């Protein structure tokens, strides 16, 4: 059962979907950032392909599906990966600063 105490602790420690972001090391942060970017790339590419299929069925045109990778999937994946790495990098550096202050 989730109590208000658990929610407050999760806010303080930095938990996202059950993943303790406060406990991630340097490599784990890098891995999570790249994985998030790849997931965004695949999701954006899938949605762009579906959109192209709908466009093809409505207009009868034959667009180039390579555009879904280059113009939609790649930019979305790169931006999301950069934002995720930036966020996780800040979280990691805050943890390192907090550790150095304690000792």
Protein backbone atom coordinates (compact mmCIF):
# COMPACT_ATOMS: atom_id res chain seq x y z
CA UNK A 1 0.00 0.00 0.00
CA UNK A 2 1.32 3.43 -0.91
CA UNK A 3 1.26 5.97 1.87
CA UNK A 4 2.04 9.67 1.85
CA UNK A 5 5.32 8.82 3.59
CA UNK A 6 6.38 6.61 0.67
CA UNK A 7 5.47 9.32 -1.83
CA UNK A 8 7.44 11.96 0.07
CA UNK A 9 10.47 9.66 0.32
CA UNK A 10 10.25 8.94 -3.41
CA UNK A 11 10.26 12.67 -4.15
CA UNK A 12 13.28 13.24 -1.96
CA UNK A 13 15.27 10.29 -3.28
CA UNK A 14 14.29 10.75 -6.93
CA UNK A 15 12.26 7.69 -7.99
CA UNK A 16 10.78 7.54 -11.49
CA UNK A 17 8.45 4.61 -12.31
CA UNK A 18 10.01 2.65 -9.47
CA UNK A 19 13.57 3.26 -10.68
CA UNK A 20 15.67 4.87 -7.95
CA UNK A 21 17.40 7.65 -9.86
CA UNK A 22 19.23 8.65 -6.72
CA UNK A 23 21.21 5.39 -6.73
CA UNK A 24 22.36 5.33 -10.36
CA UNK A 25 26.08 5.40 -10.96
CA UNK A 26 27.90 7.05 -13.87
CA UNK A 27 27.62 4.09 -16.24
CA UNK A 28 24.02 3.33 -15.26
CA UNK A 29 23.07 6.96 -15.94
CA UNK A 30 24.74 6.76 -19.33
CA UNK A 31 22.98 3.51 -20.13
CA UNK A 32 19.57 4.85 -19.07
CA UNK A 33 20.03 8.02 -21.13
CA UNK A 34 20.97 6.11 -24.27
CA UNK A 35 18.15 3.61 -23.74
CA UNK A 36 15.65 6.46 -23.38
CA UNK A 37 16.89 8.03 -26.61
CA UNK A 38 16.63 4.73 -28.46
CA UNK A 39 13.10 4.13 -27.17
CA UNK A 40 12.09 7.61 -28.30
CA UNK A 41 13.67 6.99 -31.72
CA UNK A 42 11.75 3.76 -32.24
CA UNK A 43 8.46 5.18 -30.98
CA UNK A 44 8.74 8.33 -33.12
CA UNK A 45 9.70 6.28 -36.18
CA UNK A 46 6.79 3.90 -35.64
CA UNK A 47 4.32 6.76 -35.32
CA UNK A 48 5.77 8.46 -38.41
CA UNK A 49 5.42 5.25 -40.44
CA UNK A 50 1.82 4.85 -39.31
CA UNK A 51 1.21 8.48 -40.23
CA UNK A 52 2.74 7.92 -43.67
CA UNK A 53 0.55 4.87 -44.19
CA UNK A 54 -2.55 6.90 -43.35
CA UNK A 55 -1.34 9.65 -45.67
CA UNK A 56 -0.77 7.09 -48.45
CA UNK A 57 -4.23 5.57 -48.03
CA UNK A 58 -5.94 8.98 -48.11
CA UNK A 59 -4.02 10.63 -50.97
CA UNK A 60 -2.79 7.68 -53.00
CA UNK A 61 0.74 9.14 -53.03
CA UNK A 62 3.85 7.02 -52.63
CA UNK A 63 6.12 8.83 -50.15
CA UNK A 64 9.65 7.75 -49.28
CA UNK A 65 9.60 5.88 -45.96
CA UNK A 66 13.26 6.74 -45.36
CA UNK A 67 12.02 10.20 -44.41
CA UNK A 68 10.43 8.72 -41.29
CA UNK A 69 13.88 7.75 -40.01
CA UNK A 70 15.79 10.83 -41.10
CA UNK A 71 13.30 13.62 -40.52
CA UNK A 72 11.29 12.29 -37.56
CA UNK A 73 12.93 9.38 -35.70
CA UNK A 74 16.53 10.55 -35.63
CA UNK A 75 15.92 14.14 -34.45
CA UNK A 76 13.44 13.04 -31.79
CA UNK A 77 15.79 10.30 -30.55
CA UNK A 78 18.81 12.61 -30.42
CA UNK A 79 16.92 15.38 -28.58
CA UNK A 80 15.39 12.99 -26.04
CA UNK A 81 18.74 11.28 -25.48
CA UNK A 82 20.48 14.63 -24.98
CA UNK A 83 17.83 15.77 -22.50
CA UNK A 84 17.95 12.47 -20.62
CA UNK A 85 21.75 12.50 -20.43
CA UNK A 86 21.69 16.13 -19.29
CA UNK A 87 19.13 15.40 -16.56
CA UNK A 88 20.82 12.22 -15.37
CA UNK A 89 24.23 13.89 -15.50
CA UNK A 90 22.99 16.68 -13.25
CA UNK A 91 21.52 14.12 -10.85
CA UNK A 92 24.80 12.19 -10.78
CA UNK A 93 26.89 15.33 -10.20
CA UNK A 94 24.60 16.42 -7.35
CA UNK A 95 25.08 13.01 -5.72
CA UNK A 96 28.85 13.31 -6.06
CA UNK A 97 28.83 16.82 -4.58
CA UNK A 98 26.67 15.62 -1.69
CA UNK A 99 29.07 12.71 -1.06
CA UNK A 100 32.10 14.98 -1.01
CA UNK A 101 30.41 17.37 1.46
CA UNK A 102 29.60 14.51 3.84
CA UNK A 103 33.18 13.24 4.09
